[in-house]
Amino acid sequence: MVSRNNVRLVLNVLQQYRKASRIEISKYSGLSPATVTNVIQELENLGLVREAGKTELPMGRKPILIELNPDIQYLVGLDVGIGKIIGVVINLHSDIIKSIREEFDVNSDDFDLVHEMEKVYLKLIEGLPQEIINKIPGVGVSVPGLVHLEKGVLVFAPNLPNCNNVPLADKLSQLIGKPVYIENEARAMALAEARYGAARGYKNVFCIRLGYGIGGGIIINGELYRGSSYTAGEVGHMTILPSGPLCHCGNRGCLEVFAGGGAIASTALRVLSSGSNSLIREIAEDDSSSITARVVSEAAKRGDEIALKIVKDFANYIGIGIASVVNILNPEVIIVGGGVANTGELLFREIKNNVKKRAFTTMMRFPEILPSMLGEQASSIGVAAYVFEEIIRNHPEYFKVSKK
């Protein structure tokens, strides 16, 4: 029996590179060639990997390529946001088989997060071949808040009403008849970008997710870092101004109250209430309730001066937060994702300028700052990948296949 840790290292390489020879797997994982051979043998016995042709070398013996067997199992990820759930079904190559986006009203009197997730799951698997449904070993759920991984509990969600200390995993599992695993949304995004997206090939990564709130995910030496109590990466609740506005978390002056999507929308409403003309109003069709960070971002892309000023101020605060992270973690790359990140080059230019100005460690090396490659589906893909890791760690028998 080979070490579970060695299995994980080999699978990480195959997730990132899709196909690799045994020599390449040894190089990227740090394992000896003999260990890699033993791990590949066990994974072949489980039906998890298969041979995928040979490398295109001009001379000499051509090494055999190994890849994950993409259709041996399918993974489901549900990403819960403020007022929306994004669901995906992926195969082991991270190819999206089906995806949906469903919205809900968090302020509704009958709002029930577990039932909203159940509805999305049922809609997601509706119409799928039974063969695929039978090969779903579990469901991953990413949430905007503090989670207890082992207990499957959403401990604290400042932007979701009545969702503190909720045993989400058990409740949803009882409804859908599948094991459920929960993870923080920003950490799920970091896992997805590290395995399949913009952070592939990097060992030390920080991902920041800019949505209604702000969260962070940390990759150290190629592994997701959660901290001693699963709260690592909560950059949105870094104090920027101790006497600043009250945050939903109960503290004052958090980064989130200056640069979260809710703060951007509130700033736009305040500016427009003075009678200023702006494309923001036109895009929102003169409906103040429709003014969101996405609307402000769209107006900024079209060159609206008020929107540009809001985005610039917001990017300044994000730059302050990232600079602090760079000083502490010294990552190779920063990945910026979430709906607010869609503002584009203006946002990234301002963030980079502020990080250069404020991060002490950039005198040694300035990290790359890149947009998410996986977009709004990053967290749902990432939490689906987390299901795969948990199944491999605890239930490898799920992947045994008939040799007939």
Protein backbone atom coordinates (compact mmCIF):
# COMPACT_ATOMS: atom_id res chain seq x y z
CA MET A 1 0.00 0.00 0.00
CA VAL A 2 1.44 3.36 -0.99
CA SER A 3 1.25 6.52 1.09
CA ARG A 4 -1.93 8.60 0.70
CA ASN A 5 0.28 11.68 0.67
CA ASN A 6 2.23 10.35 -2.31
CA VAL A 7 -1.01 9.56 -4.10
CA ARG A 8 -2.16 13.14 -3.50
CA LEU A 9 1.10 14.56 -4.87
CA VAL A 10 0.84 12.51 -8.06
CA LEU A 11 -2.81 13.43 -8.55
CA ASN A 12 -2.01 17.11 -8.04
CA VAL A 13 0.47 16.93 -10.94
CA LEU A 14 -2.04 15.20 -13.22
CA GLN A 15 -4.73 17.75 -12.33
CA GLN A 16 -2.42 20.62 -13.22
CA TYR A 17 -0.80 19.24 -16.36
CA ARG A 18 -3.53 16.79 -17.47
CA LYS A 19 -0.93 14.50 -19.10
CA ALA A 20 2.61 13.78 -17.90
CA SER A 21 5.22 11.05 -18.16
CA ARG A 22 6.45 9.24 -15.07
CA ILE A 23 9.69 11.23 -15.22
CA GLU A 24 7.76 14.51 -15.39
CA ILE A 25 5.53 13.44 -12.50
CA SER A 26 8.66 12.67 -10.48
CA LYS A 27 10.12 16.09 -11.32
CA TYR A 28 6.99 18.09 -10.47
CA SER A 29 6.00 16.11 -7.36
CA GLY A 30 9.45 15.69 -5.84
CA LEU A 31 8.91 11.94 -5.52
CA SER A 32 11.47 9.38 -6.63
CA PRO A 33 10.86 7.59 -9.96
CA ALA A 34 10.39 4.29 -8.09
CA THR A 35 7.75 5.84 -5.82
CA VAL A 36 5.94 7.36 -8.79
CA THR A 37 5.87 3.96 -10.51
CA ASN A 38 4.33 2.36 -7.40
CA VAL A 39 1.72 5.12 -7.06
CA ILE A 40 0.78 4.92 -10.74
CA GLN A 41 0.36 1.16 -10.38
CA GLU A 42 -2.09 1.60 -7.50
CA LEU A 43 -3.99 4.33 -9.34
CA GLU A 44 -4.24 2.09 -12.40
CA ASN A 45 -5.64 -0.68 -10.19
CA LEU A 46 -8.28 1.76 -8.95
CA GLY A 47 -9.08 2.76 -12.50
CA LEU A 48 -8.15 6.38 -11.73
CA VAL A 49 -5.39 6.80 -14.32
CA ARG A 50 -4.63 5.41 -17.75
CA GLU A 51 -1.98 5.58 -20.42
CA ALA A 52 -2.46 8.40 -22.92
CA GLY A 53 -0.02 7.87 -25.76
CA LYS A 54 3.62 8.84 -25.88
CA THR A 55 5.54 12.12 -25.78
CA GLU A 56 6.52 13.69 -29.11
CA LEU A 57 10.29 13.50 -28.72
CA PRO A 58 12.32 13.78 -31.96
CA MET A 59 14.83 11.09 -30.92
CA GLY A 60 15.23 8.24 -28.47
CA ARG A 61 12.74 6.29 -26.47
CA LYS A 62 9.41 8.06 -26.15
CA PRO A 63 8.07 8.00 -22.56
CA ILE A 64 4.47 6.91 -22.02
CA LEU A 65 2.10 9.66 -20.87
CA ILE A 66 -0.25 9.17 -17.92
CA GLU A 67 -3.56 10.96 -17.42
CA LEU A 68 -6.53 10.83 -15.09
CA ASN A 69 -9.34 8.64 -16.38
CA PRO A 70 -11.76 11.56 -16.88
CA ASP A 71 -15.09 9.72 -16.86
CA ILE A 72 -14.60 7.23 -14.06
CA GLN A 73 -16.36 9.66 -11.72
CA TYR A 74 -18.09 13.04 -11.96
CA LEU A 75 -17.89 15.82 -9.41
CA VAL A 76 -20.51 18.37 -8.37
CA GLY A 77 -19.75 21.79 -6.93
CA LEU A 78 -22.24 24.39 -5.65
CA ASP A 79 -20.92 27.89 -4.97
CA VAL A 80 -23.20 29.90 -2.68
CA GLY A 81 -22.99 33.67 -3.08
CA ILE A 82 -25.09 36.53 -1.80
CA GLY A 83 -28.31 35.96 -3.74
CA LYS A 84 -27.01 33.31 -6.13
CA ILE A 85 -25.79 29.74 -6.41
CA ILE A 86 -23.54 28.61 -9.26
CA GLY A 87 -23.49 24.86 -9.83
CA VAL A 88 -21.25 22.70 -12.02
CA VAL A 89 -20.82 19.05 -12.91
CA ILE A 90 -17.27 18.30 -14.03
CA ASN A 91 -15.28 15.23 -14.98
CA LEU A 92 -11.83 14.47 -13.58
CA HIS A 93 -10.21 16.65 -16.28
CA SER A 94 -12.28 19.59 -14.95
CA ASP A 95 -14.26 19.68 -18.21
CA ILE A 96 -17.66 21.19 -17.44
CA ILE A 97 -20.45 18.74 -18.27
CA LYS A 98 -23.21 21.07 -17.12
CA SER A 99 -23.42 24.40 -15.31
CA ILE A 100 -26.26 26.57 -14.01
CA ARG A 101 -26.68 29.84 -12.15
CA GLU A 102 -29.75 30.35 -9.97
CA GLU A 103 -30.69 33.45 -7.98
CA PHE A 104 -32.57 33.73 -4.69
CA ASP A 105 -33.71 36.48 -2.33
CA VAL A 106 -31.75 36.44 0.94
CA ASN A 107 -34.26 38.88 2.42
CA SER A 108 -37.28 36.69 1.77
CA ASP A 109 -39.24 35.68 4.87
CA ASP A 110 -39.09 32.03 3.83
CA PHE A 111 -35.41 32.03 2.82
CA ASP A 112 -33.86 28.62 3.54
CA LEU A 113 -30.33 28.14 2.25
CA VAL A 114 -30.37 24.35 2.46
CA HIS A 115 -33.51 24.10 0.33
CA GLU A 116 -32.08 26.60 -2.17
CA MET A 117 -29.03 24.36 -2.53
CA GLU A 118 -31.23 21.28 -2.89
CA LYS A 119 -33.20 22.95 -5.70
CA VAL A 120 -30.02 23.86 -7.56
CA TYR A 121 -28.59 20.35 -7.18
CA LEU A 122 -31.77 18.73 -8.50
CA LYS A 123 -31.88 21.17 -11.41
CA LEU A 124 -28.21 20.50 -12.11
CA ILE A 125 -28.60 16.74 -12.41
CA GLU A 126 -31.94 16.98 -14.24
CA GLY A 127 -31.58 15.53 -17.73
CA LEU A 128 -28.14 14.03 -17.10
CA PRO A 129 -27.67 10.40 -18.15
CA GLN A 130 -28.20 8.02 -15.23
CA GLU A 131 -24.69 6.69 -15.81
CA ILE A 132 -23.27 10.10 -14.86
CA ILE A 133 -25.56 10.54 -11.84
CA ASN A 134 -24.53 7.11 -10.55
CA LYS A 135 -20.88 8.16 -10.77
CA ILE A 136 -21.27 11.24 -8.52
CA PRO A 137 -19.61 10.22 -5.22
CA GLY A 138 -20.42 13.44 -3.37
CA VAL A 139 -21.26 17.12 -3.59
CA GLY A 140 -19.09 20.08 -2.62
CA VAL A 141 -20.52 23.37 -1.36
CA SER A 142 -18.51 26.59 -1.08
CA VAL A 143 -19.87 29.31 1.17
CA PRO A 144 -18.98 32.94 2.04
CA GLY A 145 -18.04 32.51 5.68
CA LEU A 146 -16.23 30.54 8.35
CA VAL A 147 -16.63 26.78 8.12
CA HIS A 148 -15.77 23.75 10.24
CA LEU A 149 -14.63 21.20 7.68
CA GLU A 150 -14.87 18.02 9.75
CA LYS A 151 -18.31 18.86 11.12
CA GLY A 152 -19.61 20.30 7.85
CA VAL A 153 -20.90 23.35 9.69
CA LEU A 154 -21.24 26.90 8.38
CA VAL A 155 -20.08 28.62 11.56
CA PHE A 156 -20.43 32.30 10.65
CA ALA A 157 -21.69 33.96 7.47
CA PRO A 158 -21.95 37.73 8.04
CA ASN A 159 -23.64 38.41 4.71
CA LEU A 160 -26.18 35.55 4.79
CA PRO A 161 -29.09 35.95 7.24
CA ASN A 162 -29.80 33.21 9.79
CA CYS A 163 -26.95 31.03 8.54
CA ASN A 164 -24.68 30.86 11.60
CA ASN A 165 -23.84 27.47 13.11
CA VAL A 166 -25.85 25.62 10.46
CA PRO A 167 -24.88 21.94 9.82
CA LEU A 168 -25.12 22.42 6.05
CA ALA A 169 -23.38 19.20 5.08
CA ASP A 170 -25.66 16.92 7.12
CA LYS A 171 -28.84 18.77 6.19
CA LEU A 172 -28.18 18.79 2.46
CA SER A 173 -26.88 15.22 2.49
CA GLN A 174 -30.15 14.02 4.03
CA LEU A 175 -32.11 15.70 1.24
CA ILE A 176 -30.07 14.57 -1.76
CA GLY A 177 -28.75 11.21 -0.58
CA LYS A 178 -25.09 12.01 -1.28
CA PRO A 179 -22.17 12.89 1.01
CA VAL A 180 -21.66 16.67 1.19
CA TYR A 181 -18.42 18.53 1.85
CA ILE A 182 -18.21 22.26 2.58
CA GLU A 183 -15.41 24.76 2.11
CA ASN A 184 -14.95 28.51 2.18
CA GLU A 185 -15.62 30.10 -1.25
CA ALA A 186 -12.28 31.92 -1.54
CA ARG A 187 -10.28 28.83 -0.59
CA ALA A 188 -12.29 26.84 -3.14
CA MET A 189 -11.37 29.43 -5.76
CA ALA A 190 -7.70 29.16 -4.80
CA LEU A 191 -7.80 25.38 -5.14
CA ALA A 192 -9.40 25.64 -8.59
CA GLU A 193 -6.95 28.22 -9.89
CA ALA A 194 -4.00 26.22 -8.53
CA ARG A 195 -5.16 22.94 -10.07
CA TYR A 196 -6.77 24.06 -13.31
CA GLY A 197 -6.46 27.83 -13.76
CA ALA A 198 -4.18 30.84 -13.70
CA ALA A 199 -2.00 29.57 -10.81
CA ARG A 200 -1.02 26.25 -12.38
CA GLY A 201 2.71 25.65 -12.04
CA TYR A 202 3.11 28.02 -9.08
CA LYS A 203 3.91 26.73 -5.60
CA ASN A 204 3.04 29.79 -3.48
CA VAL A 205 -0.15 31.62 -4.38
CA PHE A 206 -2.61 34.07 -2.91
CA CYS A 207 -6.09 34.31 -4.42
CA ILE A 208 -8.39 37.19 -3.56
CA ARG A 209 -12.07 36.95 -4.39
CA LEU A 210 -13.84 40.27 -4.87
CA GLY A 211 -17.59 39.89 -4.64
CA TYR A 212 -20.22 41.32 -2.33
CA GLY A 213 -17.66 40.53 0.35
CA ILE A 214 -13.93 39.88 0.10
CA GLY A 215 -12.13 36.62 0.85
CA GLY A 216 -8.72 35.08 0.33
CA GLY A 217 -7.23 31.65 -0.32
CA ILE A 218 -3.63 30.67 0.33
CA ILE A 219 -1.55 28.02 -1.43
CA ILE A 220 1.78 27.19 0.23
CA ASN A 221 4.16 24.72 -1.43
CA GLY A 222 1.36 23.64 -3.74
CA GLU A 223 -1.11 22.86 -0.94
CA LEU A 224 -4.17 24.74 0.26
CA TYR A 225 -3.45 26.35 3.64
CA ARG A 226 -6.44 26.55 5.98
CA GLY A 227 -4.85 27.51 9.28
CA SER A 228 -5.28 25.91 12.71
CA SER A 229 -9.07 26.41 12.78
CA TYR A 230 -9.93 26.73 9.06
CA THR A 231 -10.02 30.53 9.05
CA ALA A 232 -6.85 31.40 7.11
CA GLY A 233 -7.24 33.92 4.29
CA GLU A 234 -9.94 36.21 5.73
CA VAL A 235 -8.33 39.27 4.18
CA GLY A 236 -11.70 41.03 3.88
CA HIS A 237 -11.73 41.48 7.64
CA MET A 238 -8.28 42.98 7.84
CA THR A 239 -8.61 46.33 9.64
CA ILE A 240 -7.85 49.25 7.33
CA LEU A 241 -9.19 52.06 9.53
CA PRO A 242 -10.02 51.31 13.20
CA SER A 243 -12.54 54.15 13.38
CA GLY A 244 -14.08 53.27 10.02
CA PRO A 245 -17.63 52.11 9.18
CA LEU A 246 -19.19 49.15 10.95
CA CYS A 247 -18.74 45.82 9.13
CA HIS A 248 -21.27 42.97 9.09
CA CYS A 249 -18.74 40.96 11.11
CA GLY A 250 -19.11 43.37 14.03
CA ASN A 251 -15.75 45.14 13.71
CA ARG A 252 -15.07 48.56 12.27
CA GLY A 253 -12.97 49.59 9.31
CA CYS A 254 -12.57 46.19 7.64
CA LEU A 255 -11.27 46.09 4.06
CA GLU A 256 -14.67 44.71 3.03
CA VAL A 257 -16.56 47.87 4.08
CA PHE A 258 -14.33 49.96 1.82
CA ALA A 259 -13.86 47.66 -1.16
CA GLY A 260 -16.51 44.91 -1.16
CA GLY A 261 -19.20 44.85 -3.80
CA GLY A 262 -21.76 46.11 -1.29
CA ALA A 263 -19.55 49.09 -0.47
CA ILE A 264 -19.10 49.92 -4.16
CA ALA A 265 -22.86 49.90 -4.73
CA SER A 266 -23.45 52.04 -1.62
CA THR A 267 -20.86 54.58 -2.76
CA ALA A 268 -22.48 54.83 -6.18
CA LEU A 269 -25.92 55.37 -4.63
CA ARG A 270 -24.57 58.08 -2.36
CA VAL A 271 -22.86 59.93 -5.23
CA LEU A 272 -25.89 59.67 -7.51
CA SER A 273 -28.25 60.89 -4.78
CA SER A 274 -26.62 64.32 -5.13
CA GLY A 275 -28.00 64.54 -8.68
CA SER A 276 -24.80 63.67 -10.57
CA ASN A 277 -25.23 62.38 -14.11
CA SER A 278 -23.69 58.99 -14.77
CA LEU A 279 -23.96 55.97 -17.02
CA ILE A 280 -24.51 54.02 -13.81
CA ARG A 281 -28.05 55.35 -13.69
CA GLU A 282 -28.65 54.49 -17.35
CA ILE A 283 -27.31 50.94 -17.06
CA ALA A 284 -29.45 50.40 -13.97
CA GLU A 285 -32.45 51.78 -15.92
CA ASP A 286 -33.09 54.45 -13.25
CA ASP A 287 -33.73 51.73 -10.67
CA SER A 288 -31.61 52.40 -7.60
CA SER A 289 -32.18 48.84 -6.35
CA SER A 290 -30.44 47.56 -9.51
CA ILE A 291 -27.22 49.46 -8.84
CA THR A 292 -24.58 46.87 -8.03
CA ALA A 293 -20.82 46.59 -8.24
CA ARG A 294 -21.27 44.91 -11.64
CA VAL A 295 -23.22 47.94 -12.91
CA VAL A 296 -20.50 50.30 -11.65
CA SER A 297 -17.85 48.12 -13.31
CA GLU A 298 -19.71 48.20 -16.62
CA ALA A 299 -20.03 51.99 -16.47
CA ALA A 300 -16.31 52.28 -15.74
CA LYS A 301 -15.50 50.13 -18.77
CA ARG A 302 -17.50 52.60 -20.88
CA GLY A 303 -15.47 55.50 -19.55
CA ASP A 304 -17.97 57.02 -17.10
CA GLU A 305 -16.02 59.46 -14.92
CA ILE A 306 -17.98 58.84 -11.71
CA ALA A 307 -17.66 55.08 -12.09
CA LEU A 308 -13.96 55.41 -12.89
CA LYS A 309 -13.41 57.42 -9.70
CA ILE A 310 -15.28 54.82 -7.61
CA VAL A 311 -13.28 51.96 -9.14
CA LYS A 312 -10.00 53.81 -8.62
CA ASP A 313 -10.76 54.40 -4.94
CA PHE A 314 -11.87 50.80 -4.52
CA ALA A 315 -8.68 49.52 -6.23
CA ASN A 316 -6.60 51.66 -3.88
CA TYR A 317 -8.03 49.84 -0.87
CA ILE A 318 -7.61 46.45 -2.53
CA GLY A 319 -3.98 47.36 -3.23
CA ILE A 320 -3.47 48.18 0.45
CA GLY A 321 -4.86 44.80 1.46
CA ILE A 322 -2.82 42.85 -1.10
CA ALA A 323 0.36 44.74 -0.17
CA SER A 324 -0.05 43.56 3.41
CA VAL A 325 -0.53 39.98 2.22
CA VAL A 326 2.57 40.24 0.02
CA ASN A 327 4.62 41.46 2.97
CA ILE A 328 3.47 38.52 5.11
CA LEU A 329 3.33 35.61 2.63
CA ASN A 330 5.67 36.64 -0.21
CA PRO A 331 3.66 34.72 -2.86
CA GLU A 332 4.86 34.14 -6.40
CA VAL A 333 1.54 35.17 -7.88
CA ILE A 334 -1.68 36.92 -6.85
CA ILE A 335 -4.89 35.78 -8.56
CA VAL A 336 -7.77 38.26 -8.52
CA GLY A 337 -11.25 36.85 -9.10
CA GLY A 338 -14.91 37.35 -8.27
CA GLY A 339 -17.55 39.41 -10.03
CA VAL A 340 -16.01 42.77 -9.16
CA ALA A 341 -12.73 41.74 -10.81
CA ASN A 342 -14.46 41.98 -14.20
CA THR A 343 -13.71 45.71 -14.28
CA GLY A 344 -10.62 44.82 -16.27
CA GLU A 345 -7.33 46.58 -16.94
CA LEU A 346 -8.19 49.76 -15.03
CA LEU A 347 -8.66 47.75 -11.83
CA PHE A 348 -5.48 45.72 -12.30
CA ARG A 349 -3.38 48.77 -13.16
CA GLU A 350 -4.45 50.57 -9.99
CA ILE A 351 -3.96 47.48 -7.83
CA LYS A 352 -0.47 46.90 -9.20
CA ASN A 353 0.52 50.53 -8.67
CA ASN A 354 -0.63 50.43 -5.05
CA VAL A 355 1.08 47.12 -4.32
CA LYS A 356 4.34 48.45 -5.79
CA LYS A 357 4.04 51.56 -3.67
CA ARG A 358 3.18 49.85 -0.39
CA ALA A 359 4.64 46.33 -0.32
CA PHE A 360 8.10 46.37 1.28
CA THR A 361 9.06 42.96 -0.07
CA THR A 362 8.56 43.96 -3.71
CA MET A 363 12.08 45.40 -3.60
CA MET A 364 13.21 41.78 -3.80
CA ARG A 365 10.62 40.44 -6.23
CA PHE A 366 7.29 41.79 -7.45
CA PRO A 367 4.66 39.04 -7.65
CA GLU A 368 2.64 38.55 -10.77
CA ILE A 369 -0.92 39.84 -10.40
CA LEU A 370 -3.26 37.98 -12.73
CA PRO A 371 -7.02 37.70 -13.33
CA SER A 372 -8.81 34.46 -12.55
CA MET A 373 -8.84 32.10 -15.51
CA LEU A 374 -11.98 30.28 -14.38
CA GLY A 375 -14.22 33.30 -13.83
CA GLU A 376 -17.41 33.05 -11.82
CA GLN A 377 -17.25 29.25 -11.87
CA ALA A 378 -13.91 29.11 -10.05
CA SER A 379 -15.29 28.37 -6.59
CA SER A 380 -17.79 25.75 -7.77
CA ILE A 381 -15.03 23.99 -9.74
CA GLY A 382 -12.69 24.27 -6.75
CA VAL A 383 -15.13 22.80 -4.26
CA ALA A 384 -15.84 19.96 -6.71
CA ALA A 385 -12.09 19.30 -6.75
CA TYR A 386 -12.16 19.31 -2.96
CA VAL A 387 -14.71 16.46 -3.07
CA PHE A 388 -12.25 14.48 -5.19
CA GLU A 389 -9.46 15.05 -2.67
CA GLU A 390 -11.68 14.00 0.25
CA ILE A 391 -12.89 10.86 -1.51
CA ILE A 392 -9.33 9.84 -2.39
CA ARG A 393 -8.20 10.53 1.17
CA ASN A 394 -11.01 8.66 2.90
CA HIS A 395 -12.85 6.46 0.39
CA PRO A 396 -10.60 5.34 -2.50
CA GLU A 397 -12.86 2.32 -2.98
CA TYR A 398 -15.33 4.62 -4.77
CA PHE A 399 -13.02 4.58 -7.76
CA LYS A 400 -12.61 0.85 -8.24
CA VAL A 401 -13.81 -0.29 -11.65
CA SER A 402 -14.46 -3.61 -13.29
CA LYS A 403 -11.60 -5.03 -15.33
CA LYS A 404 -14.05 -6.62 -17.76
